[in-house]
Amino acid sequence: MDSEQREQYDYARKRIKQKKRLMQHFIVFLAVSILLIIINPILGIGSDFFISNWFVWVILLWTLLFFIHVFNVFIVNRFMGKEWEDRQLEKLKALQEKRLRSLKEQVEKDSLKKNDHTPL
């Protein structure tokens, strides 16, 4: 397997792991939400808290966090995934090469100026 195939394989494994963790997050979210719904209204646990229906706020906050997770896996990674990283790397390499050429030209100019002022 050449390096490019290995890189693609590693990227695919990373994406699969991200999606697997997202699914695990969803399953835990669903299970805990159901548990909170059972604990508070049905069993009456936590009914003496200062916020009535506190479990709803917990579920809503967790829903927000879950959607952030979904956004990161499917949206951010799509726009800032492997291809984006490769493009950014190429841009940075080109910029670095341009700077090196500029420095080399400056050194050559300085060298020529120094040689022009040398007495014979």
PDB file of N, CA and C in Angstrom:
ATOM      1  N   MET A   1       0.854  -1.178   0.000  1.00  0.00           N
ATOM      2  CA  MET A   1       0.000   0.000   0.000  1.00  0.00           C
ATOM      3  C   MET A   1       0.896   1.236   0.000  1.00  0.00           C
ATOM      4  N   ASP A   2       0.690   2.123  -0.963  1.00  0.00           N
ATOM      5  CA  ASP A   2       1.507   3.322  -1.014  1.00  0.00           C
ATOM      6  C   ASP A   2       1.022   4.350   0.013  1.00  0.00           C
ATOM      7  N   SER A   3       1.779   5.430   0.141  1.00  0.00           N
ATOM      8  CA  SER A   3       1.483   6.412   1.192  1.00  0.00           C
ATOM      9  C   SER A   3       0.132   7.096   0.981  1.00  0.00           C
ATOM     10  N   GLU A   4      -0.245   7.348  -0.278  1.00  0.00           N
ATOM     11  CA  GLU A   4      -1.530   8.005  -0.528  1.00  0.00           C
ATOM     12  C   GLU A   4      -2.700   7.098  -0.142  1.00  0.00           C
ATOM     13  N   GLN A   5      -2.591   5.824  -0.475  1.00  0.00           N
ATOM     14  CA  GLN A   5      -3.646   4.882  -0.094  1.00  0.00           C
ATOM     15  C   GLN A   5      -3.722   4.762   1.425  1.00  0.00           C
ATOM     16  N   ARG A   6      -2.578   4.739   2.055  1.00  0.00           N
ATOM     17  CA  ARG A   6      -2.540   4.654   3.525  1.00  0.00           C
ATOM     18  C   ARG A   6      -3.188   5.889   4.137  1.00  0.00           C
ATOM     19  N   GLU A   7      -2.892   7.035   3.562  1.00  0.00           N
ATOM     20  CA  GLU A   7      -3.470   8.289   4.051  1.00  0.00           C
ATOM     21  C   GLU A   7      -4.991   8.291   3.885  1.00  0.00           C
ATOM     22  N   GLN A   8      -5.470   7.827   2.733  1.00  0.00           N
ATOM     23  CA  GLN A   8      -6.913   7.744   2.506  1.00  0.00           C
ATOM     24  C   GLN A   8      -7.557   6.756   3.473  1.00  0.00           C
ATOM     25  N   TYR A   9      -6.888   5.658   3.718  1.00  0.00           N
ATOM     26  CA  TYR A   9      -7.392   4.664   4.659  1.00  0.00           C
ATOM     27  C   TYR A   9      -7.492   5.254   6.070  1.00  0.00           C
ATOM     28  N   ASP A  10      -6.455   5.949   6.492  1.00  0.00           N
ATOM     29  CA  ASP A  10      -6.463   6.572   7.819  1.00  0.00           C
ATOM     30  C   ASP A  10      -7.569   7.619   7.928  1.00  0.00           C
ATOM     31  N   TYR A  11      -7.757   8.392   6.866  1.00  0.00           N
ATOM     32  CA  TYR A  11      -8.812   9.402   6.865  1.00  0.00           C
ATOM     33  C   TYR A  11     -10.184   8.735   6.965  1.00  0.00           C
ATOM     34  N   ALA A  12     -10.379   7.662   6.208  1.00  0.00           N
ATOM     35  CA  ALA A  12     -11.658   6.941   6.256  1.00  0.00           C
ATOM     36  C   ALA A  12     -11.898   6.368   7.649  1.00  0.00           C
ATOM     37  N   ARG A  13     -10.877   5.814   8.267  1.00  0.00           N
ATOM     38  CA  ARG A  13     -11.017   5.288   9.635  1.00  0.00           C
ATOM     39  C   ARG A  13     -11.385   6.400  10.614  1.00  0.00           C
ATOM     40  N   LYS A  14     -10.768   7.564  10.435  1.00  0.00           N
ATOM     41  CA  LYS A  14     -11.065   8.705  11.309  1.00  0.00           C
ATOM     42  C   LYS A  14     -12.524   9.131  11.164  1.00  0.00           C
ATOM     43  N   ARG A  15     -13.000   9.220   9.910  1.00  0.00           N
ATOM     44  CA  ARG A  15     -14.401   9.610   9.675  1.00  0.00           C
ATOM     45  C   ARG A  15     -15.367   8.576  10.245  1.00  0.00           C
ATOM     46  N   ILE A  16     -15.060   7.307  10.083  1.00  0.00           N
ATOM     47  CA  ILE A  16     -15.920   6.257  10.625  1.00  0.00           C
ATOM     48  C   ILE A  16     -15.961   6.358  12.147  1.00  0.00           C
ATOM     49  N   LYS A  17     -14.816   6.618  12.756  1.00  0.00           N
ATOM     50  CA  LYS A  17     -14.765   6.762  14.212  1.00  0.00           C
ATOM     51  C   LYS A  17     -15.594   7.964  14.670  1.00  0.00           C
ATOM     52  N   GLN A  18     -15.527   9.071  13.927  1.00  0.00           N
ATOM     53  CA  GLN A  18     -16.323  10.255  14.271  1.00  0.00           C
ATOM     54  C   GLN A  18     -17.810   9.935  14.211  1.00  0.00           C
ATOM     55  N   LYS A  19     -18.225   9.265  13.147  1.00  0.00           N
ATOM     56  CA  LYS A  19     -19.645   8.939  12.991  1.00  0.00           C
ATOM     57  C   LYS A  19     -20.094   7.928  14.043  1.00  0.00           C
ATOM     58  N   LYS A  20     -19.223   6.999  14.397  1.00  0.00           N
ATOM     59  CA  LYS A  20     -19.551   6.021  15.435  1.00  0.00           C
ATOM     60  C   LYS A  20     -19.741   6.729  16.780  1.00  0.00           C
ATOM     61  N   ARG A  21     -18.851   7.653  17.101  1.00  0.00           N
ATOM     62  CA  ARG A  21     -18.977   8.390  18.358  1.00  0.00           C
ATOM     63  C   ARG A  21     -20.230   9.252  18.375  1.00  0.00           C
ATOM     64  N   LEU A  22     -20.600   9.803  17.223  1.00  0.00           N
ATOM     65  CA  LEU A  22     -21.838  10.572  17.132  1.00  0.00           C
ATOM     66  C   LEU A  22     -23.037   9.674  17.417  1.00  0.00           C
ATOM     67  N   MET A  23     -23.044   8.479  16.858  1.00  0.00           N
ATOM     68  CA  MET A  23     -24.145   7.542  17.095  1.00  0.00           C
ATOM     69  C   MET A  23     -24.188   7.130  18.567  1.00  0.00           C
ATOM     70  N   GLN A  24     -23.036   6.892  19.167  1.00  0.00           N
ATOM     71  CA  GLN A  24     -22.991   6.577  20.597  1.00  0.00           C
ATOM     72  C   GLN A  24     -23.538   7.740  21.419  1.00  0.00           C
ATOM     73  N   HIS A  25     -23.173   8.950  21.051  1.00  0.00           N
ATOM     74  CA  HIS A  25     -23.671  10.137  21.740  1.00  0.00           C
ATOM     75  C   HIS A  25     -25.194  10.180  21.657  1.00  0.00           C
ATOM     76  N   PHE A  26     -25.737   9.907  20.476  1.00  0.00           N
ATOM     77  CA  PHE A  26     -27.185   9.923  20.302  1.00  0.00           C
ATOM     78  C   PHE A  26     -27.865   8.859  21.163  1.00  0.00           C
ATOM     79  N   ILE A  27     -27.313   7.656  21.207  1.00  0.00           N
ATOM     80  CA  ILE A  27     -27.910   6.572  21.998  1.00  0.00           C
ATOM     81  C   ILE A  27     -27.902   6.923  23.485  1.00  0.00           C
ATOM     82  N   VAL A  28     -26.780   7.431  23.974  1.00  0.00           N
ATOM     83  CA  VAL A  28     -26.704   7.833  25.389  1.00  0.00           C
ATOM     84  C   VAL A  28     -27.672   8.979  25.661  1.00  0.00           C
ATOM     85  N   PHE A  29     -27.726   9.947  24.758  1.00  0.00           N
ATOM     86  CA  PHE A  29     -28.650  11.071  24.900  1.00  0.00           C
ATOM     87  C   PHE A  29     -30.093  10.582  24.991  1.00  0.00           C
ATOM     88  N   LEU A  30     -30.459   9.690  24.101  1.00  0.00           N
ATOM     89  CA  LEU A  30     -31.825   9.164  24.081  1.00  0.00           C
ATOM     90  C   LEU A  30     -32.139   8.393  25.365  1.00  0.00           C
ATOM     91  N   ALA A  31     -31.225   7.537  25.789  1.00  0.00           N
ATOM     92  CA  ALA A  31     -31.444   6.726  26.993  1.00  0.00           C
ATOM     93  C   ALA A  31     -31.560   7.605  28.238  1.00  0.00           C
ATOM     94  N   VAL A  32     -30.670   8.563  28.379  1.00  0.00           N
ATOM     95  CA  VAL A  32     -30.696   9.437  29.560  1.00  0.00           C
ATOM     96  C   VAL A  32     -31.934  10.332  29.525  1.00  0.00           C
ATOM     97  N   SER A  33     -32.319  10.804  28.360  1.00  0.00           N
ATOM     98  CA  SER A  33     -33.526  11.629  28.257  1.00  0.00           C
ATOM     99  C   SER A  33     -34.756  10.856  28.703  1.00  0.00           C
ATOM    100  N   ILE A  34     -34.864   9.634  28.239  1.00  0.00           N
ATOM    101  CA  ILE A  34     -35.999   8.792  28.659  1.00  0.00           C
ATOM    102  C   ILE A  34     -35.944   8.547  30.158  1.00  0.00           C
ATOM    103  N   LEU A  35     -34.757   8.292  30.675  1.00  0.00           N
ATOM    104  CA  LEU A  35     -34.601   8.080  32.117  1.00  0.00           C
ATOM    105  C   LEU A  35     -35.004   9.324  32.908  1.00  0.00           C
ATOM    106  N   LEU A  36     -34.602  10.497  32.442  1.00  0.00           N
ATOM    107  CA  LEU A  36     -34.975  11.738  33.129  1.00  0.00           C
ATOM    108  C   LEU A  36     -36.483  11.957  33.090  1.00  0.00           C
ATOM    109  N   ILE A  37     -37.092  11.639  31.970  1.00  0.00           N
ATOM    110  CA  ILE A  37     -38.545  11.789  31.860  1.00  0.00           C
ATOM    111  C   ILE A  37     -39.253  10.838  32.819  1.00  0.00           C
ATOM    112  N   ILE A  38     -38.699   9.657  33.003  1.00  0.00           N
ATOM    113  CA  ILE A  38     -39.303   8.685  33.927  1.00  0.00           C
ATOM    114  C   ILE A  38     -39.058   9.098  35.376  1.00  0.00           C
ATOM    115  N   ILE A  39     -37.837   9.530  35.669  1.00  0.00           N
ATOM    116  CA  ILE A  39     -37.473   9.865  37.055  1.00  0.00           C
ATOM    117  C   ILE A  39     -38.283  11.036  37.586  1.00  0.00           C
ATOM    118  N   ASN A  40     -38.381  12.115  36.836  1.00  0.00           N
ATOM    119  CA  ASN A  40     -39.008  13.313  37.380  1.00  0.00           C
ATOM    120  C   ASN A  40     -40.527  13.259  37.395  1.00  0.00           C
ATOM    121  N   PRO A  41     -41.196  13.221  36.289  1.00  0.00           N
ATOM    122  CA  PRO A  41     -42.657  13.304  36.344  1.00  0.00           C
ATOM    123  C   PRO A  41     -43.321  12.045  36.888  1.00  0.00           C
ATOM    124  N   ILE A  42     -42.801  10.894  36.533  1.00  0.00           N
ATOM    125  CA  ILE A  42     -43.481   9.656  36.917  1.00  0.00           C
ATOM    126  C   ILE A  42     -43.147   9.252  38.341  1.00  0.00           C
ATOM    127  N   LEU A  43     -41.854   9.262  38.702  1.00  0.00           N
ATOM    128  CA  LEU A  43     -41.454   8.865  40.048  1.00  0.00           C
ATOM    129  C   LEU A  43     -41.430  10.043  41.020  1.00  0.00           C
ATOM    130  N   GLY A  44     -41.447  11.253  40.507  1.00  0.00           N
ATOM    131  CA  GLY A  44     -41.480  12.446  41.359  1.00  0.00           C
ATOM    132  C   GLY A  44     -40.135  12.812  41.945  1.00  0.00           C
ATOM    133  N   ILE A  45     -39.064  12.169  41.502  1.00  0.00           N
ATOM    134  CA  ILE A  45     -37.731  12.491  42.017  1.00  0.00           C
ATOM    135  C   ILE A  45     -37.312  13.849  41.451  1.00  0.00           C
ATOM    136  N   GLY A  46     -36.856  14.731  42.307  1.00  0.00           N
ATOM    137  CA  GLY A  46     -36.435  16.057  41.889  1.00  0.00           C
ATOM    138  C   GLY A  46     -37.571  17.047  41.776  1.00  0.00           C
ATOM    139  N   SER A  47     -38.755  16.677  42.217  1.00  0.00           N
ATOM    140  CA  SER A  47     -39.885  17.600  42.101  1.00  0.00           C
ATOM    141  C   SER A  47     -39.771  18.766  43.076  1.00  0.00           C
ATOM    142  N   ASP A  48     -38.908  18.643  44.081  1.00  0.00           N
ATOM    143  CA  ASP A  48     -38.724  19.731  45.046  1.00  0.00           C
ATOM    144  C   ASP A  48     -37.590  20.673  44.640  1.00  0.00           C
ATOM    145  N   PHE A  49     -37.033  20.513  43.449  1.00  0.00           N
ATOM    146  CA  PHE A  49     -36.002  21.426  42.958  1.00  0.00           C
ATOM    147  C   PHE A  49     -36.611  22.807  42.747  1.00  0.00           C
ATOM    148  N   PHE A  50     -35.757  23.814  42.729  1.00  0.00           N
ATOM    149  CA  PHE A  50     -36.243  25.191  42.572  1.00  0.00           C
ATOM    150  C   PHE A  50     -36.801  25.467  41.177  1.00  0.00           C
ATOM    151  N   ILE A  51     -36.457  24.639  40.198  1.00  0.00           N
ATOM    152  CA  ILE A  51     -37.004  24.798  38.842  1.00  0.00           C
ATOM    153  C   ILE A  51     -37.919  23.611  38.583  1.00  0.00           C
ATOM    154  N   SER A  52     -39.187  23.911  38.349  1.00  0.00           N
ATOM    155  CA  SER A  52     -40.083  22.808  38.009  1.00  0.00           C
ATOM    156  C   SER A  52     -39.768  22.355  36.590  1.00  0.00           C
ATOM    157  N   ASN A  53     -39.945  21.103  36.332  1.00  0.00           N
ATOM    158  CA  ASN A  53     -39.620  20.506  35.032  1.00  0.00           C
ATOM    159  C   ASN A  53     -38.156  20.743  34.638  1.00  0.00           C
ATOM    160  N   TRP A  54     -37.262  20.603  35.597  1.00  0.00           N
ATOM    161  CA  TRP A  54     -35.835  20.810  35.361  1.00  0.00           C
ATOM    162  C   TRP A  54     -35.302  19.863  34.293  1.00  0.00           C
ATOM    163  N   PHE A  55     -35.885  18.691  34.200  1.00  0.00           N
ATOM    164  CA  PHE A  55     -35.412  17.696  33.245  1.00  0.00           C
ATOM    165  C   PHE A  55     -35.575  18.176  31.804  1.00  0.00           C
ATOM    166  N   VAL A  56     -36.589  19.014  31.572  1.00  0.00           N
ATOM    167  CA  VAL A  56     -36.790  19.554  30.230  1.00  0.00           C
ATOM    168  C   VAL A  56     -35.608  20.448  29.847  1.00  0.00           C
ATOM    169  N   TRP A  57     -35.145  21.259  30.788  1.00  0.00           N
ATOM    170  CA  TRP A  57     -34.016  22.146  30.528  1.00  0.00           C
ATOM    171  C   TRP A  57     -32.736  21.347  30.306  1.00  0.00           C
ATOM    172  N   VAL A  58     -32.572  20.276  31.061  1.00  0.00           N
ATOM    173  CA  VAL A  58     -31.397  19.419  30.882  1.00  0.00           C
ATOM    174  C   VAL A  58     -31.426  18.795  29.487  1.00  0.00           C
ATOM    175  N   ILE A  59     -32.580  18.296  29.088  1.00  0.00           N
ATOM    176  CA  ILE A  59     -32.713  17.665  27.769  1.00  0.00           C
ATOM    177  C   ILE A  59     -32.497  18.693  26.654  1.00  0.00           C
ATOM    178  N   LEU A  60     -33.040  19.896  26.823  1.00  0.00           N
ATOM    179  CA  LEU A  60     -32.845  20.937  25.804  1.00  0.00           C
ATOM    180  C   LEU A  60     -31.375  21.344  25.675  1.00  0.00           C
ATOM    181  N   LEU A  61     -30.706  21.487  26.802  1.00  0.00           N
ATOM    182  CA  LEU A  61     -29.284  21.831  26.769  1.00  0.00           C
ATOM    183  C   LEU A  61     -28.481  20.717  26.095  1.00  0.00           C
ATOM    184  N   TRP A  62     -28.793  19.479  26.442  1.00  0.00           N
ATOM    185  CA  TRP A  62     -28.089  18.352  25.849  1.00  0.00           C
ATOM    186  C   TRP A  62     -28.400  18.247  24.351  1.00  0.00           C
ATOM    187  N   THR A  63     -29.624  18.582  23.962  1.00  0.00           N
ATOM    188  CA  THR A  63     -29.986  18.597  22.537  1.00  0.00           C
ATOM    189  C   THR A  63     -29.127  19.601  21.790  1.00  0.00           C
ATOM    190  N   LEU A  64     -28.932  20.773  22.383  1.00  0.00           N
ATOM    191  CA  LEU A  64     -28.073  21.782  21.772  1.00  0.00           C
ATOM    192  C   LEU A  64     -26.651  21.245  21.596  1.00  0.00           C
ATOM    193  N   LEU A  65     -26.111  20.609  22.627  1.00  0.00           N
ATOM    194  CA  LEU A  65     -24.767  20.033  22.543  1.00  0.00           C
ATOM    195  C   LEU A  65     -24.696  18.937  21.480  1.00  0.00           C
ATOM    196  N   PHE A  66     -25.750  18.134  21.388  1.00  0.00           N
ATOM    197  CA  PHE A  66     -25.780  17.079  20.382  1.00  0.00           C
ATOM    198  C   PHE A  66     -25.780  17.684  18.973  1.00  0.00           C
ATOM    199  N   PHE A  67     -26.563  18.742  18.759  1.00  0.00           N
ATOM    200  CA  PHE A  67     -26.583  19.367  17.437  1.00  0.00           C
ATOM    201  C   PHE A  67     -25.246  20.024  17.099  1.00  0.00           C
ATOM    202  N   ILE A  68     -24.548  20.529  18.095  1.00  0.00           N
ATOM    203  CA  ILE A  68     -23.197  21.048  17.863  1.00  0.00           C
ATOM    204  C   ILE A  68     -22.285  19.910  17.411  1.00  0.00           C
ATOM    205  N   HIS A  69     -22.417  18.756  18.051  1.00  0.00           N
ATOM    206  CA  HIS A  69     -21.638  17.586  17.667  1.00  0.00           C
ATOM    207  C   HIS A  69     -21.955  17.177  16.223  1.00  0.00           C
ATOM    208  N   VAL A  70     -23.237  17.144  15.872  1.00  0.00           N
ATOM    209  CA  VAL A  70     -23.656  16.804  14.502  1.00  0.00           C
ATOM    210  C   VAL A  70     -23.064  17.814  13.517  1.00  0.00           C
ATOM    211  N   PHE A  71     -23.150  19.093  13.858  1.00  0.00           N
ATOM    212  CA  PHE A  71     -22.610  20.155  13.009  1.00  0.00           C
ATOM    213  C   PHE A  71     -21.115  19.952  12.776  1.00  0.00           C
ATOM    214  N   ASN A  72     -20.380  19.634  13.841  1.00  0.00           N
ATOM    215  CA  ASN A  72     -18.936  19.425  13.708  1.00  0.00           C
ATOM    216  C   ASN A  72     -18.604  18.227  12.833  1.00  0.00           C
ATOM    217  N   VAL A  73     -19.359  17.148  12.971  1.00  0.00           N
ATOM    218  CA  VAL A  73     -19.054  15.929  12.212  1.00  0.00           C
ATOM    219  C   VAL A  73     -19.428  16.079  10.743  1.00  0.00           C
ATOM    220  N   PHE A  74     -20.607  16.613  10.457  1.00  0.00           N
ATOM    221  CA  PHE A  74     -21.090  16.609   9.082  1.00  0.00           C
ATOM    222  C   PHE A  74     -20.862  17.905   8.315  1.00  0.00           C
ATOM    223  N   ILE A  75     -20.857  19.046   8.985  1.00  0.00           N
ATOM    224  CA  ILE A  75     -20.721  20.321   8.279  1.00  0.00           C
ATOM    225  C   ILE A  75     -19.272  20.809   8.302  1.00  0.00           C
ATOM    226  N   VAL A  76     -18.735  20.990   9.491  1.00  0.00           N
ATOM    227  CA  VAL A  76     -17.377  21.524   9.611  1.00  0.00           C
ATOM    228  C   VAL A  76     -16.382  20.590   8.941  1.00  0.00           C
ATOM    229  N   ASN A  77     -16.527  19.302   9.172  1.00  0.00           N
ATOM    230  CA  ASN A  77     -15.579  18.362   8.592  1.00  0.00           C
ATOM    231  C   ASN A  77     -15.703  18.315   7.074  1.00  0.00           C
ATOM    232  N   ARG A  78     -16.880  18.520   6.550  1.00  0.00           N
ATOM    233  CA  ARG A  78     -17.046  18.519   5.092  1.00  0.00           C
ATOM    234  C   ARG A  78     -16.310  19.705   4.475  1.00  0.00           C
ATOM    235  N   PHE A  79     -16.436  20.882   5.086  1.00  0.00           N
ATOM    236  CA  PHE A  79     -15.788  22.066   4.532  1.00  0.00           C
ATOM    237  C   PHE A  79     -14.325  22.168   4.936  1.00  0.00           C
ATOM    238  N   MET A  80     -13.996  21.588   6.064  1.00  0.00           N
ATOM    239  CA  MET A  80     -12.624  21.672   6.550  1.00  0.00           C
ATOM    240  C   MET A  80     -12.045  20.270   6.709  1.00  0.00           C
ATOM    241  N   GLY A  81     -12.366  19.416   5.800  1.00  0.00           N
ATOM    242  CA  GLY A  81     -11.901  18.038   5.836  1.00  0.00           C
ATOM    243  C   GLY A  81     -10.534  17.883   5.202  1.00  0.00           C
ATOM    244  N   LYS A  82     -10.274  16.703   4.713  1.00  0.00           N
ATOM    245  CA  LYS A  82      -8.983  16.347   4.148  1.00  0.00           C
ATOM    246  C   LYS A  82      -8.620  17.220   2.951  1.00  0.00           C
ATOM    247  N   GLU A  83      -9.573  17.445   2.057  1.00  0.00           N
ATOM    248  CA  GLU A  83      -9.284  18.253   0.876  1.00  0.00           C
ATOM    249  C   GLU A  83      -8.927  19.686   1.265  1.00  0.00           C
ATOM    250  N   TRP A  84      -9.657  20.233   2.234  1.00  0.00           N
ATOM    251  CA  TRP A  84      -9.382  21.591   2.701  1.00  0.00           C
ATOM    252  C   TRP A  84      -7.976  21.659   3.305  1.00  0.00           C
ATOM    253  N   GLU A  85      -7.626  20.647   4.114  1.00  0.00           N
ATOM    254  CA  GLU A  85      -6.292  20.610   4.709  1.00  0.00           C
ATOM    255  C   GLU A  85      -5.221  20.558   3.629  1.00  0.00           C
ATOM    256  N   ASP A  86      -5.442  19.744   2.596  1.00  0.00           N
ATOM    257  CA  ASP A  86      -4.470  19.644   1.506  1.00  0.00           C
ATOM    258  C   ASP A  86      -4.315  20.973   0.773  1.00  0.00           C
ATOM    259  N   ARG A  87      -5.434  21.655   0.512  1.00  0.00           N
ATOM    260  CA  ARG A  87      -5.356  22.960  -0.157  1.00  0.00           C
ATOM    261  C   ARG A  87      -4.605  23.971   0.707  1.00  0.00           C
ATOM    262  N   GLN A  88      -4.888  23.983   2.003  1.00  0.00           N
ATOM    263  CA  GLN A  88      -4.196  24.915   2.893  1.00  0.00           C
ATOM    264  C   GLN A  88      -2.705  24.619   2.951  1.00  0.00           C
ATOM    265  N   LEU A  89      -2.366  23.333   2.967  1.00  0.00           N
ATOM    266  CA  LEU A  89      -0.953  22.940   2.986  1.00  0.00           C
ATOM    267  C   LEU A  89      -0.250  23.403   1.714  1.00  0.00           C
ATOM    268  N   GLU A  90      -0.892  23.232   0.563  1.00  0.00           N
ATOM    269  CA  GLU A  90      -0.305  23.683  -0.699  1.00  0.00           C
ATOM    270  C   GLU A  90      -0.126  25.199  -0.714  1.00  0.00           C
ATOM    271  N   LYS A  91      -1.112  25.935  -0.194  1.00  0.00           N
ATOM    272  CA  LYS A  91      -0.995  27.390  -0.132  1.00  0.00           C
ATOM    273  C   LYS A  91       0.180  27.803   0.742  1.00  0.00           C
ATOM    274  N   LEU A  92       0.304  27.161   1.905  1.00  0.00           N
ATOM    275  CA  LEU A  92       1.398  27.510   2.805  1.00  0.00           C
ATOM    276  C   LEU A  92       2.756  27.157   2.214  1.00  0.00           C
ATOM    277  N   LYS A  93       2.836  26.027   1.532  1.00  0.00           N
ATOM    278  CA  LYS A  93       4.091  25.638   0.889  1.00  0.00           C
ATOM    279  C   LYS A  93       4.458  26.640  -0.204  1.00  0.00           C
ATOM    280  N   ALA A  94       3.478  27.061  -1.004  1.00  0.00           N
ATOM    281  CA  ALA A  94       3.737  28.039  -2.059  1.00  0.00           C
ATOM    282  C   ALA A  94       4.196  29.372  -1.468  1.00  0.00           C
ATOM    283  N   LEU A  95       3.551  29.786  -0.390  1.00  0.00           N
ATOM    284  CA  LEU A  95       3.938  31.033   0.269  1.00  0.00           C
ATOM    285  C   LEU A  95       5.358  30.938   0.815  1.00  0.00           C
ATOM    286  N   GLN A  96       5.689  29.798   1.410  1.00  0.00           N
ATOM    287  CA  GLN A  96       7.032  29.613   1.952  1.00  0.00           C
ATOM    288  C   GLN A  96       8.077  29.615   0.829  1.00  0.00           C
ATOM    289  N   GLU A  97       7.775  28.960  -0.288  1.00  0.00           N
ATOM    290  CA  GLU A  97       8.694  28.955  -1.420  1.00  0.00           C
ATOM    291  C   GLU A  97       8.898  30.370  -1.967  1.00  0.00           C
ATOM    292  N   LYS A  98       7.823  31.143  -2.021  1.00  0.00           N
ATOM    293  CA  LYS A  98       7.912  32.522  -2.497  1.00  0.00           C
ATOM    294  C   LYS A  98       8.810  33.342  -1.567  1.00  0.00           C
ATOM    295  N   ARG A  99       8.635  33.170  -0.267  1.00  0.00           N
ATOM    296  CA  ARG A  99       9.477  33.900   0.688  1.00  0.00           C
ATOM    297  C   ARG A  99      10.939  33.499   0.561  1.00  0.00           C
ATOM    298  N   LEU A 100      11.179  32.197   0.371  1.00  0.00           N
ATOM    299  CA  LEU A 100      12.561  31.736   0.219  1.00  0.00           C
ATOM    300  C   LEU A 100      13.200  32.311  -1.041  1.00  0.00           C
ATOM    301  N   ARG A 101      12.439  32.342  -2.149  1.00  0.00           N
ATOM    302  CA  ARG A 101      12.956  32.942  -3.383  1.00  0.00           C
ATOM    303  C   ARG A 101      13.282  34.415  -3.172  1.00  0.00           C
ATOM    304  N   SER A 102      12.382  35.108  -2.469  1.00  0.00           N
ATOM    305  CA  SER A 102      12.594  36.526  -2.205  1.00  0.00           C
ATOM    306  C   SER A 102      13.854  36.743  -1.366  1.00  0.00           C
ATOM    307  N   LEU A 103      14.031  35.932  -0.348  1.00  0.00           N
ATOM    308  CA  LEU A 103      15.232  36.050   0.490  1.00  0.00           C
ATOM    309  C   LEU A 103      16.492  35.735  -0.311  1.00  0.00           C
ATOM    310  N   LYS A 104      16.414  34.713  -1.165  1.00  0.00           N
ATOM    311  CA  LYS A 104      17.565  34.348  -1.983  1.00  0.00           C
ATOM    312  C   LYS A 104      17.931  35.485  -2.932  1.00  0.00           C
ATOM    313  N   GLU A 105      16.914  36.109  -3.557  1.00  0.00           N
ATOM    314  CA  GLU A 105      17.157  37.243  -4.450  1.00  0.00           C
ATOM    315  C   GLU A 105      17.788  38.403  -3.692  1.00  0.00           C
ATOM    316  N   GLN A 106      17.311  38.641  -2.474  1.00  0.00           N
ATOM    317  CA  GLN A 106      17.852  39.732  -1.663  1.00  0.00           C
ATOM    318  C   GLN A 106      19.311  39.469  -1.313  1.00  0.00           C
ATOM    319  N   VAL A 107      19.629  38.235  -0.974  1.00  0.00           N
ATOM    320  CA  VAL A 107      21.012  37.878  -0.650  1.00  0.00           C
ATOM    321  C   VAL A 107      21.900  38.060  -1.884  1.00  0.00           C
ATOM    322  N   GLU A 108      21.398  37.640  -3.047  1.00  0.00           N
ATOM    323  CA  GLU A 108      22.178  37.808  -4.281  1.00  0.00           C
ATOM    324  C   GLU A 108      22.393  39.281  -4.604  1.00  0.00           C
ATOM    325  N   LYS A 109      21.366  40.121  -4.414  1.00  0.00           N
ATOM    326  CA  LYS A 109      21.508  41.566  -4.645  1.00  0.00           C
ATOM    327  C   LYS A 109      22.557  42.158  -3.712  1.00  0.00           C
ATOM    328  N   ASP A 110      22.449  41.782  -2.430  1.00  0.00           N
ATOM    329  CA  ASP A 110      23.411  42.296  -1.455  1.00  0.00           C
ATOM    330  C   ASP A 110      24.825  41.841  -1.803  1.00  0.00           C
ATOM    331  N   SER A 111      24.949  40.631  -2.275  1.00  0.00           N
ATOM    332  CA  SER A 111      26.255  40.097  -2.646  1.00  0.00           C
ATOM    333  C   SER A 111      26.820  40.850  -3.845  1.00  0.00           C
ATOM    334  N   LEU A 112      25.973  41.151  -4.820  1.00  0.00           N
ATOM    335  CA  LEU A 112      26.436  41.897  -6.001  1.00  0.00           C
ATOM    336  C   LEU A 112      26.829  43.322  -5.618  1.00  0.00           C
ATOM    337  N   LYS A 113      26.054  43.964  -4.759  1.00  0.00           N
ATOM    338  CA  LYS A 113      26.391  45.319  -4.322  1.00  0.00           C
ATOM    339  C   LYS A 113      27.721  45.324  -3.607  1.00  0.00           C
ATOM    340  N   LYS A 114      27.961  44.331  -2.790  1.00  0.00           N
ATOM    341  CA  LYS A 114      29.212  44.244  -2.037  1.00  0.00           C
ATOM    342  C   LYS A 114      30.383  44.048  -2.990  1.00  0.00           C
ATOM    343  N   ASN A 115      30.172  43.212  -4.012  1.00  0.00           N
ATOM    344  CA  ASN A 115      31.240  42.968  -4.975  1.00  0.00           C
ATOM    345  C   ASN A 115      31.486  44.181  -5.868  1.00  0.00           C
ATOM    346  N   ASP A 116      30.483  44.995  -6.138  1.00  0.00           N
ATOM    347  CA  ASP A 116      30.646  46.186  -6.967  1.00  0.00           C
ATOM    348  C   ASP A 116      31.523  47.246  -6.282  1.00  0.00           C
ATOM    349  N   HIS A 117      31.501  47.310  -4.976  1.00  0.00           N
ATOM    350  CA  HIS A 117      32.256  48.322  -4.245  1.00  0.00           C
ATOM    351  C   HIS A 117      33.648  47.862  -3.863  1.00  0.00           C
ATOM    352  N   THR A 118      34.017  46.699  -4.282  1.00  0.00           N
ATOM    353  CA  THR A 118      35.341  46.190  -3.942  1.00  0.00           C
ATOM    354  C   THR A 118      36.384  46.854  -4.846  1.00  0.00           C
ATOM    355  N   PRO A 119      37.427  47.477  -4.246  1.00  0.00           N
ATOM    356  CA  PRO A 119      38.453  48.144  -5.073  1.00  0.00           C
ATOM    357  C   PRO A 119      39.354  47.110  -5.769  1.00  0.00           C
ATOM    358  N   LEU A 120      39.806  47.477  -6.952  1.00  0.00           N
ATOM    359  CA  LEU A 120      40.703  46.599  -7.720  1.00  0.00           C
ATOM    360  C   LEU A 120      42.116  46.962  -7.549  1.00  0.00           C
TER     361      LEU A 120
END
